[in-house]
């Protein structure tokens, strides 16, 4: 849409100014085309900023889980299982710590399934 409006903006601004002075519809079209062109261009700019910000936020939240500070030897990969799911997790120091984390994740998954 932005490309079409840019082309129309160039065509209309290339017209003779005397033609625009007498025709109110052409003068209105010039203003509308250029205004909508700027609205669409600013919408693209805002969308890009939102997308980049969301990607930065997503990357930061993935890293804050703790995989960026864990030694590679402490990461376990299991799978794929019968549902073609690969599980990636941390190895914990004790079985109690691992059981606490597993039960907390099971509660979160259960709560998410109930609310959906």
PDB file of N, CA and C in Angstrom:
ATOM      1  N   UNK A   1       0.819  -1.185   0.000  1.00  0.00           N
ATOM      2  CA  UNK A   1       0.000   0.000   0.000  1.00  0.00           C
ATOM      3  C   UNK A   1       0.864   1.249   0.000  1.00  0.00           C
ATOM      4  N   UNK A   2       1.960   1.179   0.754  1.00  0.00           N
ATOM      5  CA  UNK A   2       2.853   2.334   0.850  1.00  0.00           C
ATOM      6  C   UNK A   2       3.505   2.614  -0.506  1.00  0.00           C
ATOM      7  N   UNK A   3       3.838   1.569  -1.243  1.00  0.00           N
ATOM      8  CA  UNK A   3       4.450   1.756  -2.560  1.00  0.00           C
ATOM      9  C   UNK A   3       3.448   2.387  -3.521  1.00  0.00           C
ATOM     10  N   UNK A   4       2.228   1.904  -3.497  1.00  0.00           N
ATOM     11  CA  UNK A   4       1.191   2.468  -4.366  1.00  0.00           C
ATOM     12  C   UNK A   4       0.950   3.940  -4.047  1.00  0.00           C
ATOM     13  N   UNK A   5       0.870   4.264  -2.767  1.00  0.00           N
ATOM     14  CA  UNK A   5       0.653   5.657  -2.381  1.00  0.00           C
ATOM     15  C   UNK A   5       1.851   6.538  -2.740  1.00  0.00           C
ATOM     16  N   UNK A   6       3.056   5.985  -2.674  1.00  0.00           N
ATOM     17  CA  UNK A   6       4.241   6.755  -3.064  1.00  0.00           C
ATOM     18  C   UNK A   6       4.222   7.060  -4.557  1.00  0.00           C
ATOM     19  N   UNK A   7       3.829   6.072  -5.349  1.00  0.00           N
ATOM     20  CA  UNK A   7       3.739   6.297  -6.797  1.00  0.00           C
ATOM     21  C   UNK A   7       2.662   7.331  -7.113  1.00  0.00           C
ATOM     22  N   UNK A   8       1.504   7.182  -6.488  1.00  0.00           N
ATOM     23  CA  UNK A   8       0.435   8.160  -6.705  1.00  0.00           C
ATOM     24  C   UNK A   8       0.847   9.555  -6.243  1.00  0.00           C
ATOM     25  N   UNK A   9       1.571   9.625  -5.141  1.00  0.00           N
ATOM     26  CA  UNK A   9       2.044  10.913  -4.645  1.00  0.00           C
ATOM     27  C   UNK A   9       2.988  11.559  -5.657  1.00  0.00           C
ATOM     28  N   UNK A  10       3.867  10.770  -6.245  1.00  0.00           N
ATOM     29  CA  UNK A  10       4.770  11.306  -7.262  1.00  0.00           C
ATOM     30  C   UNK A  10       4.049  11.755  -8.512  1.00  0.00           C
ATOM     31  N   UNK A  11       3.056  10.974  -8.933  1.00  0.00           N
ATOM     32  CA  UNK A  11       2.294  11.327 -10.139  1.00  0.00           C
ATOM     33  C   UNK A  11       1.502  12.613  -9.910  1.00  0.00           C
ATOM     34  N   UNK A  12       0.843  12.699  -8.776  1.00  0.00           N
ATOM     35  CA  UNK A  12      -0.002  13.872  -8.526  1.00  0.00           C
ATOM     36  C   UNK A  12       0.848  15.120  -8.294  1.00  0.00           C
ATOM     37  N   UNK A  13       1.991  14.969  -7.639  1.00  0.00           N
ATOM     38  CA  UNK A  13       2.850  16.140  -7.456  1.00  0.00           C
ATOM     39  C   UNK A  13       3.537  16.545  -8.762  1.00  0.00           C
ATOM     40  N   UNK A  14       3.551  15.651  -9.723  1.00  0.00           N
ATOM     41  CA  UNK A  14       4.112  15.987 -11.020  1.00  0.00           C
ATOM     42  C   UNK A  14       3.147  16.742 -11.917  1.00  0.00           C
ATOM     43  N   UNK A  15       1.892  16.798 -11.544  1.00  0.00           N
ATOM     44  CA  UNK A  15       0.906  17.533 -12.342  1.00  0.00           C
ATOM     45  C   UNK A  15       1.160  19.033 -12.266  1.00  0.00           C
ATOM     46  N   UNK A  16       0.661  19.712 -13.225  1.00  0.00           N
ATOM     47  CA  UNK A  16       0.784  21.161 -13.259  1.00  0.00           C
ATOM     48  C   UNK A  16      -0.051  21.758 -12.130  1.00  0.00           C
ATOM     49  N   UNK A  17       0.496  22.713 -11.404  1.00  0.00           N
ATOM     50  CA  UNK A  17      -0.196  23.320 -10.272  1.00  0.00           C
ATOM     51  C   UNK A  17      -1.435  24.109 -10.702  1.00  0.00           C
ATOM     52  N   UNK A  18      -1.465  24.564 -11.929  1.00  0.00           N
ATOM     53  CA  UNK A  18      -2.642  25.291 -12.401  1.00  0.00           C
ATOM     54  C   UNK A  18      -3.851  24.371 -12.514  1.00  0.00           C
ATOM     55  N   UNK A  19      -3.614  23.105 -12.862  1.00  0.00           N
ATOM     56  CA  UNK A  19      -4.723  22.146 -12.935  1.00  0.00           C
ATOM     57  C   UNK A  19      -5.328  21.894 -11.555  1.00  0.00           C
ATOM     58  N   UNK A  20      -4.478  21.891 -10.533  1.00  0.00           N
ATOM     59  CA  UNK A  20      -4.953  21.607  -9.183  1.00  0.00           C
ATOM     60  C   UNK A  20      -5.712  22.784  -8.580  1.00  0.00           C
ATOM     61  N   UNK A  21      -5.368  23.989  -8.989  1.00  0.00           N
ATOM     62  CA  UNK A  21      -5.987  25.168  -8.387  1.00  0.00           C
ATOM     63  C   UNK A  21      -7.479  25.246  -8.704  1.00  0.00           C
ATOM     64  N   UNK A  22      -7.875  24.822  -9.886  1.00  0.00           N
ATOM     65  CA  UNK A  22      -9.268  24.937 -10.270  1.00  0.00           C
ATOM     66  C   UNK A  22     -10.106  23.737  -9.909  1.00  0.00           C
ATOM     67  N   UNK A  23      -9.510  22.601  -9.633  1.00  0.00           N
ATOM     68  CA  UNK A  23     -10.258  21.377  -9.385  1.00  0.00           C
ATOM     69  C   UNK A  23     -10.132  20.999  -7.910  1.00  0.00           C
ATOM     70  N   UNK A  24     -11.219  21.158  -7.178  1.00  0.00           N
ATOM     71  CA  UNK A  24     -11.205  20.880  -5.735  1.00  0.00           C
ATOM     72  C   UNK A  24     -10.998  19.398  -5.441  1.00  0.00           C
ATOM     73  N   UNK A  25     -11.533  18.518  -6.305  1.00  0.00           N
ATOM     74  CA  UNK A  25     -11.373  17.080  -6.081  1.00  0.00           C
ATOM     75  C   UNK A  25      -9.909  16.667  -6.218  1.00  0.00           C
ATOM     76  N   UNK A  26      -9.213  17.200  -7.213  1.00  0.00           N
ATOM     77  CA  UNK A  26      -7.791  16.866  -7.379  1.00  0.00           C
ATOM     78  C   UNK A  26      -6.974  17.403  -6.208  1.00  0.00           C
ATOM     79  N   UNK A  27      -7.299  18.588  -5.748  1.00  0.00           N
ATOM     80  CA  UNK A  27      -6.578  19.168  -4.625  1.00  0.00           C
ATOM     81  C   UNK A  27      -6.810  18.322  -3.360  1.00  0.00           C
ATOM     82  N   UNK A  28      -8.036  17.880  -3.147  1.00  0.00           N
ATOM     83  CA  UNK A  28      -8.347  17.012  -2.019  1.00  0.00           C
ATOM     84  C   UNK A  28      -7.599  15.683  -2.150  1.00  0.00           C
ATOM     85  N   UNK A  29      -7.542  15.143  -3.358  1.00  0.00           N
ATOM     86  CA  UNK A  29      -6.846  13.878  -3.588  1.00  0.00           C
ATOM     87  C   UNK A  29      -5.364  13.995  -3.272  1.00  0.00           C
ATOM     88  N   UNK A  30      -4.768  15.122  -3.641  1.00  0.00           N
ATOM     89  CA  UNK A  30      -3.343  15.330  -3.339  1.00  0.00           C
ATOM     90  C   UNK A  30      -3.111  15.272  -1.843  1.00  0.00           C
ATOM     91  N   UNK A  31      -3.938  15.965  -1.077  1.00  0.00           N
ATOM     92  CA  UNK A  31      -3.762  15.968   0.376  1.00  0.00           C
ATOM     93  C   UNK A  31      -4.018  14.585   0.983  1.00  0.00           C
ATOM     94  N   UNK A  32      -5.045  13.925   0.534  1.00  0.00           N
ATOM     95  CA  UNK A  32      -5.357  12.613   1.081  1.00  0.00           C
ATOM     96  C   UNK A  32      -4.281  11.594   0.752  1.00  0.00           C
ATOM     97  N   UNK A  33      -3.823  11.602  -0.480  1.00  0.00           N
ATOM     98  CA  UNK A  33      -2.800  10.617  -0.878  1.00  0.00           C
ATOM     99  C   UNK A  33      -1.523  10.837  -0.089  1.00  0.00           C
ATOM    100  N   UNK A  34      -1.070  12.077   0.005  1.00  0.00           N
ATOM    101  CA  UNK A  34       0.172  12.312   0.741  1.00  0.00           C
ATOM    102  C   UNK A  34      -0.011  12.044   2.239  1.00  0.00           C
ATOM    103  N   UNK A  35      -1.157  12.395   2.803  1.00  0.00           N
ATOM    104  CA  UNK A  35      -1.384  12.127   4.224  1.00  0.00           C
ATOM    105  C   UNK A  35      -1.452  10.631   4.516  1.00  0.00           C
ATOM    106  N   UNK A  36      -2.173   9.881   3.692  1.00  0.00           N
ATOM    107  CA  UNK A  36      -2.240   8.431   3.902  1.00  0.00           C
ATOM    108  C   UNK A  36      -0.894   7.766   3.672  1.00  0.00           C
ATOM    109  N   UNK A  37      -0.113   8.310   2.745  1.00  0.00           N
ATOM    110  CA  UNK A  37       1.233   7.769   2.533  1.00  0.00           C
ATOM    111  C   UNK A  37       2.054   7.921   3.802  1.00  0.00           C
ATOM    112  N   UNK A  38       2.010   9.097   4.428  1.00  0.00           N
ATOM    113  CA  UNK A  38       2.773   9.307   5.658  1.00  0.00           C
ATOM    114  C   UNK A  38       2.247   8.444   6.804  1.00  0.00           C
ATOM    115  N   UNK A  39       0.946   8.244   6.855  1.00  0.00           N
ATOM    116  CA  UNK A  39       0.375   7.384   7.901  1.00  0.00           C
ATOM    117  C   UNK A  39       0.869   5.948   7.737  1.00  0.00           C
ATOM    118  N   UNK A  40       0.856   5.438   6.513  1.00  0.00           N
ATOM    119  CA  UNK A  40       1.310   4.067   6.278  1.00  0.00           C
ATOM    120  C   UNK A  40       2.808   3.927   6.522  1.00  0.00           C
ATOM    121  N   UNK A  41       3.603   4.924   6.122  1.00  0.00           N
ATOM    122  CA  UNK A  41       5.043   4.859   6.372  1.00  0.00           C
ATOM    123  C   UNK A  41       5.336   4.866   7.869  1.00  0.00           C
ATOM    124  N   UNK A  42       4.630   5.699   8.620  1.00  0.00           N
ATOM    125  CA  UNK A  42       4.836   5.715  10.068  1.00  0.00           C
ATOM    126  C   UNK A  42       4.323   4.436  10.718  1.00  0.00           C
ATOM    127  N   UNK A  43       3.282   3.835  10.154  1.00  0.00           N
ATOM    128  CA  UNK A  43       2.803   2.550  10.654  1.00  0.00           C
ATOM    129  C   UNK A  43       3.837   1.449  10.452  1.00  0.00           C
ATOM    130  N   UNK A  44       4.512   1.474   9.315  1.00  0.00           N
ATOM    131  CA  UNK A  44       5.572   0.489   9.067  1.00  0.00           C
ATOM    132  C   UNK A  44       6.714   0.700  10.054  1.00  0.00           C
ATOM    133  N   UNK A  45       7.087   1.955  10.265  1.00  0.00           N
ATOM    134  CA  UNK A  45       8.155   2.257  11.210  1.00  0.00           C
ATOM    135  C   UNK A  45       7.785   1.794  12.624  1.00  0.00           C
ATOM    136  N   UNK A  46       6.566   2.065  13.049  1.00  0.00           N
ATOM    137  CA  UNK A  46       6.123   1.638  14.376  1.00  0.00           C
ATOM    138  C   UNK A  46       6.082   0.111  14.488  1.00  0.00           C
ATOM    139  N   UNK A  47       5.658  -0.557  13.423  1.00  0.00           N
ATOM    140  CA  UNK A  47       5.616  -2.025  13.427  1.00  0.00           C
ATOM    141  C   UNK A  47       7.015  -2.614  13.546  1.00  0.00           C
ATOM    142  N   UNK A  48       7.965  -2.022  12.850  1.00  0.00           N
ATOM    143  CA  UNK A  48       9.350  -2.509  12.934  1.00  0.00           C
ATOM    144  C   UNK A  48       9.894  -2.319  14.342  1.00  0.00           C
ATOM    145  N   UNK A  49       9.640  -1.157  14.931  1.00  0.00           N
ATOM    146  CA  UNK A  49      10.111  -0.925  16.299  1.00  0.00           C
ATOM    147  C   UNK A  49       9.470  -1.905  17.279  1.00  0.00           C
ATOM    148  N   UNK A  50       8.184  -2.159  17.116  1.00  0.00           N
ATOM    149  CA  UNK A  50       7.494  -3.107  17.984  1.00  0.00           C
ATOM    150  C   UNK A  50       8.049  -4.521  17.810  1.00  0.00           C
ATOM    151  N   UNK A  51       8.300  -4.922  16.564  1.00  0.00           N
ATOM    152  CA  UNK A  51       8.831  -6.253  16.297  1.00  0.00           C
ATOM    153  C   UNK A  51      10.226  -6.418  16.894  1.00  0.00           C
ATOM    154  N   UNK A  52      11.085  -5.428  16.687  1.00  0.00           N
ATOM    155  CA  UNK A  52      12.447  -5.515  17.218  1.00  0.00           C
ATOM    156  C   UNK A  52      12.423  -5.516  18.748  1.00  0.00           C
ATOM    157  N   UNK A  53      11.581  -4.678  19.322  1.00  0.00           N
ATOM    158  CA  UNK A  53      11.461  -4.662  20.778  1.00  0.00           C
ATOM    159  C   UNK A  53      10.950  -5.987  21.327  1.00  0.00           C
ATOM    160  N   UNK A  54       9.992  -6.588  20.631  1.00  0.00           N
ATOM    161  CA  UNK A  54       9.466  -7.889  21.072  1.00  0.00           C
ATOM    162  C   UNK A  54      10.531  -8.973  20.962  1.00  0.00           C
ATOM    163  N   UNK A  55      11.341  -8.919  19.903  1.00  0.00           N
ATOM    164  CA  UNK A  55      12.413  -9.914  19.761  1.00  0.00           C
ATOM    165  C   UNK A  55      13.460  -9.752  20.858  1.00  0.00           C
ATOM    166  N   UNK A  56      13.792  -8.500  21.197  1.00  0.00           N
ATOM    167  CA  UNK A  56      14.749  -8.272  22.286  1.00  0.00           C
ATOM    168  C   UNK A  56      14.166  -8.787  23.599  1.00  0.00           C
ATOM    169  N   UNK A  57      12.894  -8.495  23.849  1.00  0.00           N
ATOM    170  CA  UNK A  57      12.240  -8.974  25.066  1.00  0.00           C
ATOM    171  C   UNK A  57      12.199 -10.496  25.105  1.00  0.00           C
ATOM    172  N   UNK A  58      11.875 -11.119  23.978  1.00  0.00           N
ATOM    173  CA  UNK A  58      11.814 -12.582  23.919  1.00  0.00           C
ATOM    174  C   UNK A  58      13.185 -13.190  24.196  1.00  0.00           C
ATOM    175  N   UNK A  59      14.212 -12.642  23.579  1.00  0.00           N
ATOM    176  CA  UNK A  59      15.553 -13.169  23.779  1.00  0.00           C
ATOM    177  C   UNK A  59      15.987 -12.987  25.221  1.00  0.00           C
ATOM    178  N   UNK A  60      15.681 -11.834  25.778  1.00  0.00           N
ATOM    179  CA  UNK A  60      16.072 -11.572  27.157  1.00  0.00           C
ATOM    180  C   UNK A  60      15.353 -12.502  28.128  1.00  0.00           C
ATOM    181  N   UNK A  61      14.073 -12.785  27.906  1.00  0.00           N
ATOM    182  CA  UNK A  61      13.359 -13.675  28.811  1.00  0.00           C
ATOM    183  C   UNK A  61      13.831 -15.108  28.665  1.00  0.00           C
ATOM    184  N   UNK A  62      14.213 -15.516  27.450  1.00  0.00           N
ATOM    185  CA  UNK A  62      14.749 -16.869  27.295  1.00  0.00           C
ATOM    186  C   UNK A  62      16.071 -17.011  28.032  1.00  0.00           C
ATOM    187  N   UNK A  63      16.884 -15.965  27.972  1.00  0.00           N
ATOM    188  CA  UNK A  63      18.173 -16.037  28.656  1.00  0.00           C
ATOM    189  C   UNK A  63      18.017 -15.956  30.165  1.00  0.00           C
ATOM    190  N   UNK A  64      16.973 -15.297  30.626  1.00  0.00           N
ATOM    191  CA  UNK A  64      16.805 -15.149  32.070  1.00  0.00           C
ATOM    192  C   UNK A  64      16.326 -16.433  32.733  1.00  0.00           C
ATOM    193  N   UNK A  65      15.923 -17.417  31.941  1.00  0.00           N
ATOM    194  CA  UNK A  65      15.533 -18.707  32.517  1.00  0.00           C
ATOM    195  C   UNK A  65      16.744 -19.362  33.174  1.00  0.00           C
ATOM    196  N   UNK A  66      17.920 -19.117  32.618  1.00  0.00           N
ATOM    197  CA  UNK A  66      19.119 -19.634  33.249  1.00  0.00           C
ATOM    198  C   UNK A  66      19.992 -20.455  32.326  1.00  0.00           C
ATOM    199  N   UNK A  67      19.593 -20.641  31.095  1.00  0.00           N
ATOM    200  CA  UNK A  67      20.403 -21.452  30.202  1.00  0.00           C
ATOM    201  C   UNK A  67      21.661 -20.730  29.749  1.00  0.00           C
ATOM    202  N   UNK A  68      21.714 -19.423  29.880  1.00  0.00           N
ATOM    203  CA  UNK A  68      22.901 -18.704  29.437  1.00  0.00           C
ATOM    204  C   UNK A  68      24.036 -18.780  30.454  1.00  0.00           C
ATOM    205  N   UNK A  69      23.716 -19.099  31.702  1.00  0.00           N
ATOM    206  CA  UNK A  69      24.755 -19.165  32.730  1.00  0.00           C
ATOM    207  C   UNK A  69      25.119 -20.599  33.103  1.00  0.00           C
ATOM    208  N   UNK A  70      24.420 -21.568  32.586  1.00  0.00           N
ATOM    209  CA  UNK A  70      24.657 -22.964  32.949  1.00  0.00           C
ATOM    210  C   UNK A  70      25.751 -23.545  32.063  1.00  0.00           C
ATOM    211  N   UNK A  71      26.598 -24.332  32.699  1.00  0.00           N
ATOM    212  CA  UNK A  71      27.634 -25.024  31.953  1.00  0.00           C
ATOM    213  C   UNK A  71      26.980 -26.047  31.025  1.00  0.00           C
ATOM    214  N   UNK A  72      27.555 -26.233  29.862  1.00  0.00           N
ATOM    215  CA  UNK A  72      26.965 -27.146  28.881  1.00  0.00           C
ATOM    216  C   UNK A  72      26.875 -28.573  29.406  1.00  0.00           C
ATOM    217  N   UNK A  73      27.754 -28.945  30.310  1.00  0.00           N
ATOM    218  CA  UNK A  73      27.715 -30.302  30.863  1.00  0.00           C
ATOM    219  C   UNK A  73      26.522 -30.497  31.792  1.00  0.00           C
ATOM    220  N   UNK A  74      25.902 -29.403  32.247  1.00  0.00           N
ATOM    221  CA  UNK A  74      24.772 -29.502  33.163  1.00  0.00           C
ATOM    222  C   UNK A  74      23.427 -29.440  32.451  1.00  0.00           C
ATOM    223  N   UNK A  75      23.432 -29.426  31.128  1.00  0.00           N
ATOM    224  CA  UNK A  75      22.180 -29.395  30.373  1.00  0.00           C
ATOM    225  C   UNK A  75      21.910 -30.793  29.833  1.00  0.00           C
ATOM    226  N   UNK A  76      20.717 -31.288  30.085  1.00  0.00           N
ATOM    227  CA  UNK A  76      20.334 -32.626  29.636  1.00  0.00           C
ATOM    228  C   UNK A  76      19.339 -32.509  28.488  1.00  0.00           C
ATOM    229  N   UNK A  77      19.514 -33.356  27.493  1.00  0.00           N
ATOM    230  CA  UNK A  77      18.588 -33.420  26.367  1.00  0.00           C
ATOM    231  C   UNK A  77      18.028 -34.824  26.322  1.00  0.00           C
ATOM    232  N   UNK A  78      16.706 -34.912  26.299  1.00  0.00           N
ATOM    233  CA  UNK A  78      16.046 -36.216  26.302  1.00  0.00           C
ATOM    234  C   UNK A  78      14.999 -36.218  25.201  1.00  0.00           C
ATOM    235  N   UNK A  79      15.007 -37.220  24.379  1.00  0.00           N
ATOM    236  CA  UNK A  79      13.966 -37.317  23.366  1.00  0.00           C
ATOM    237  C   UNK A  79      14.546 -37.608  22.009  1.00  0.00           C
ATOM    238  N   UNK A  80      13.741 -37.613  21.035  1.00  0.00           N
ATOM    239  CA  UNK A  80      12.305 -37.357  21.030  1.00  0.00           C
ATOM    240  C   UNK A  80      11.518 -38.548  21.598  1.00  0.00           C
ATOM    241  N   UNK A  81      10.412 -38.228  22.251  1.00  0.00           N
ATOM    242  CA  UNK A  81       9.570 -39.268  22.809  1.00  0.00           C
ATOM    243  C   UNK A  81       8.507 -39.682  21.795  1.00  0.00           C
ATOM    244  N   UNK A  82       7.482 -40.401  22.238  1.00  0.00           N
ATOM    245  CA  UNK A  82       6.463 -40.908  21.312  1.00  0.00           C
ATOM    246  C   UNK A  82       5.668 -39.800  20.629  1.00  0.00           C
ATOM    247  N   UNK A  83       5.644 -38.589  21.239  1.00  0.00           N
ATOM    248  CA  UNK A  83       4.943 -37.453  20.639  1.00  0.00           C
ATOM    249  C   UNK A  83       5.888 -36.526  19.881  1.00  0.00           C
ATOM    250  N   UNK A  84       7.111 -36.991  19.611  1.00  0.00           N
ATOM    251  CA  UNK A  84       8.149 -36.220  18.908  1.00  0.00           C
ATOM    252  C   UNK A  84       8.505 -34.932  19.635  1.00  0.00           C
ATOM    253  N   UNK A  85       8.590 -34.996  20.955  1.00  0.00           N
ATOM    254  CA  UNK A  85       8.972 -33.843  21.765  1.00  0.00           C
ATOM    255  C   UNK A  85      10.370 -34.092  22.306  1.00  0.00           C
ATOM    256  N   UNK A  86      11.220 -33.071  22.171  1.00  0.00           N
ATOM    257  CA  UNK A  86      12.567 -33.129  22.726  1.00  0.00           C
ATOM    258  C   UNK A  86      12.577 -32.260  23.972  1.00  0.00           C
ATOM    259  N   UNK A  87      13.010 -32.823  25.060  1.00  0.00           N
ATOM    260  CA  UNK A  87      13.037 -32.112  26.336  1.00  0.00           C
ATOM    261  C   UNK A  87      14.450 -31.623  26.606  1.00  0.00           C
ATOM    262  N   UNK A  88      14.574 -30.351  26.896  1.00  0.00           N
ATOM    263  CA  UNK A  88      15.863 -29.761  27.246  1.00  0.00           C
ATOM    264  C   UNK A  88      15.732 -29.223  28.658  1.00  0.00           C
ATOM    265  N   UNK A  89      16.641 -29.644  29.526  1.00  0.00           N
ATOM    266  CA  UNK A  89      16.547 -29.201  30.911  1.00  0.00           C
ATOM    267  C   UNK A  89      17.893 -29.126  31.582  1.00  0.00           C
ATOM    268  N   UNK A  90      17.867 -28.596  32.774  1.00  0.00           N
ATOM    269  CA  UNK A  90      19.083 -28.477  33.571  1.00  0.00           C
ATOM    270  C   UNK A  90      19.223 -29.681  34.483  1.00  0.00           C
ATOM    271  N   UNK A  91      20.441 -30.041  34.750  1.00  0.00           N
ATOM    272  CA  UNK A  91      20.702 -31.058  35.757  1.00  0.00           C
ATOM    273  C   UNK A  91      20.864 -30.346  37.090  1.00  0.00           C
ATOM    274  N   UNK A  92      20.140 -30.801  38.074  1.00  0.00           N
ATOM    275  CA  UNK A  92      20.191 -30.162  39.379  1.00  0.00           C
ATOM    276  C   UNK A  92      21.121 -30.934  40.302  1.00  0.00           C
ATOM    277  N   UNK A  93      21.553 -30.273  41.347  1.00  0.00           N
ATOM    278  CA  UNK A  93      22.534 -30.867  42.258  1.00  0.00           C
ATOM    279  C   UNK A  93      22.009 -32.033  43.060  1.00  0.00           C
ATOM    280  N   UNK A  94      20.716 -32.015  43.376  1.00  0.00           N
ATOM    281  CA  UNK A  94      20.156 -33.106  44.176  1.00  0.00           C
ATOM    282  C   UNK A  94      18.823 -33.532  43.570  1.00  0.00           C
ATOM    283  N   UNK A  95      18.402 -34.723  43.944  1.00  0.00           N
ATOM    284  CA  UNK A  95      17.130 -35.212  43.422  1.00  0.00           C
ATOM    285  C   UNK A  95      15.970 -34.424  44.030  1.00  0.00           C
ATOM    286  N   UNK A  96      16.138 -33.950  45.271  1.00  0.00           N
ATOM    287  CA  UNK A  96      15.086 -33.150  45.900  1.00  0.00           C
ATOM    288  C   UNK A  96      14.850 -31.848  45.123  1.00  0.00           C
ATOM    289  N   UNK A  97      15.941 -31.192  44.756  1.00  0.00           N
ATOM    290  CA  UNK A  97      15.833 -29.946  43.989  1.00  0.00           C
ATOM    291  C   UNK A  97      15.152 -30.201  42.640  1.00  0.00           C
ATOM    292  N   UNK A  98      15.505 -31.272  41.979  1.00  0.00           N
ATOM    293  CA  UNK A  98      14.888 -31.616  40.700  1.00  0.00           C
ATOM    294  C   UNK A  98      13.404 -31.924  40.860  1.00  0.00           C
ATOM    295  N   UNK A  99      13.028 -32.619  41.955  1.00  0.00           N
ATOM    296  CA  UNK A  99      11.624 -32.937  42.193  1.00  0.00           C
ATOM    297  C   UNK A  99      10.803 -31.684  42.475  1.00  0.00           C
ATOM    298  N   UNK A 100      11.376 -30.726  43.196  1.00  0.00           N
ATOM    299  CA  UNK A 100      10.674 -29.469  43.488  1.00  0.00           C
ATOM    300  C   UNK A 100      10.417 -28.703  42.192  1.00  0.00           C
ATOM    301  N   UNK A 101      11.429 -28.613  41.330  1.00  0.00           N
ATOM    302  CA  UNK A 101      11.271 -27.915  40.053  1.00  0.00           C
ATOM    303  C   UNK A 101      10.250 -28.634  39.178  1.00  0.00           C
ATOM    304  N   UNK A 102      10.298 -29.970  39.144  1.00  0.00           N
ATOM    305  CA  UNK A 102       9.350 -30.744  38.325  1.00  0.00           C
ATOM    306  C   UNK A 102       7.922 -30.555  38.815  1.00  0.00           C
ATOM    307  N   UNK A 103       7.723 -30.532  40.132  1.00  0.00           N
ATOM    308  CA  UNK A 103       6.361 -30.350  40.646  1.00  0.00           C
ATOM    309  C   UNK A 103       5.867 -28.928  40.380  1.00  0.00           C
ATOM    310  N   UNK A 104       6.750 -27.939  40.471  1.00  0.00           N
ATOM    311  CA  UNK A 104       6.351 -26.557  40.174  1.00  0.00           C
ATOM    312  C   UNK A 104       5.956 -26.420  38.704  1.00  0.00           C
ATOM    313  N   UNK A 105       6.718 -27.039  37.818  1.00  0.00           N
ATOM    314  CA  UNK A 105       6.372 -26.990  36.387  1.00  0.00           C
ATOM    315  C   UNK A 105       5.069 -27.730  36.120  1.00  0.00           C
ATOM    316  N   UNK A 106       4.848 -28.863  36.800  1.00  0.00           N
ATOM    317  CA  UNK A 106       3.597 -29.607  36.613  1.00  0.00           C
ATOM    318  C   UNK A 106       2.400 -28.783  37.078  1.00  0.00           C
ATOM    319  N   UNK A 107       2.556 -28.047  38.172  1.00  0.00           N
ATOM    320  CA  UNK A 107       1.469 -27.182  38.644  1.00  0.00           C
ATOM    321  C   UNK A 107       1.178 -26.063  37.645  1.00  0.00           C
ATOM    322  N   UNK A 108       2.233 -25.472  37.105  1.00  0.00           N
ATOM    323  CA  UNK A 108       2.046 -24.404  36.105  1.00  0.00           C
ATOM    324  C   UNK A 108       1.355 -24.925  34.855  1.00  0.00           C
ATOM    325  N   UNK A 109       1.768 -26.091  34.395  1.00  0.00           N
ATOM    326  CA  UNK A 109       1.151 -26.660  33.193  1.00  0.00           C
ATOM    327  C   UNK A 109      -0.302 -27.005  33.471  1.00  0.00           C
ATOM    328  N   UNK A 110      -0.574 -27.552  34.657  1.00  0.00           N
ATOM    329  CA  UNK A 110      -1.952 -27.870  35.027  1.00  0.00           C
ATOM    330  C   UNK A 110      -2.821 -26.628  35.116  1.00  0.00           C
ATOM    331  N   UNK A 111      -2.270 -25.563  35.713  1.00  0.00           N
ATOM    332  CA  UNK A 111      -3.040 -24.317  35.817  1.00  0.00           C
ATOM    333  C   UNK A 111      -3.284 -23.709  34.442  1.00  0.00           C
ATOM    334  N   UNK A 112      -2.297 -23.799  33.572  1.00  0.00           N
ATOM    335  CA  UNK A 112      -2.473 -23.268  32.217  1.00  0.00           C
ATOM    336  C   UNK A 112      -3.491 -24.078  31.431  1.00  0.00           C
ATOM    337  N   UNK A 113      -3.508 -25.392  31.643  1.00  0.00           N
ATOM    338  CA  UNK A 113      -4.474 -26.234  30.936  1.00  0.00           C
ATOM    339  C   UNK A 113      -5.892 -25.973  31.426  1.00  0.00           C
ATOM    340  N   UNK A 114      -6.057 -25.702  32.698  1.00  0.00           N
ATOM    341  CA  UNK A 114      -7.397 -25.424  33.252  1.00  0.00           C
ATOM    342  C   UNK A 114      -7.926 -24.080  32.766  1.00  0.00           C
ATOM    343  N   UNK A 115      -7.041 -23.096  32.622  1.00  0.00           N
ATOM    344  CA  UNK A 115      -7.494 -21.769  32.209  1.00  0.00           C
ATOM    345  C   UNK A 115      -7.738 -21.687  30.707  1.00  0.00           C
ATOM    346  N   UNK A 116      -7.219 -22.612  29.945  1.00  0.00           N
ATOM    347  CA  UNK A 116      -7.390 -22.577  28.479  1.00  0.00           C
ATOM    348  C   UNK A 116      -8.663 -23.169  28.030  1.00  0.00           C
TER     349      UNK A 116
END
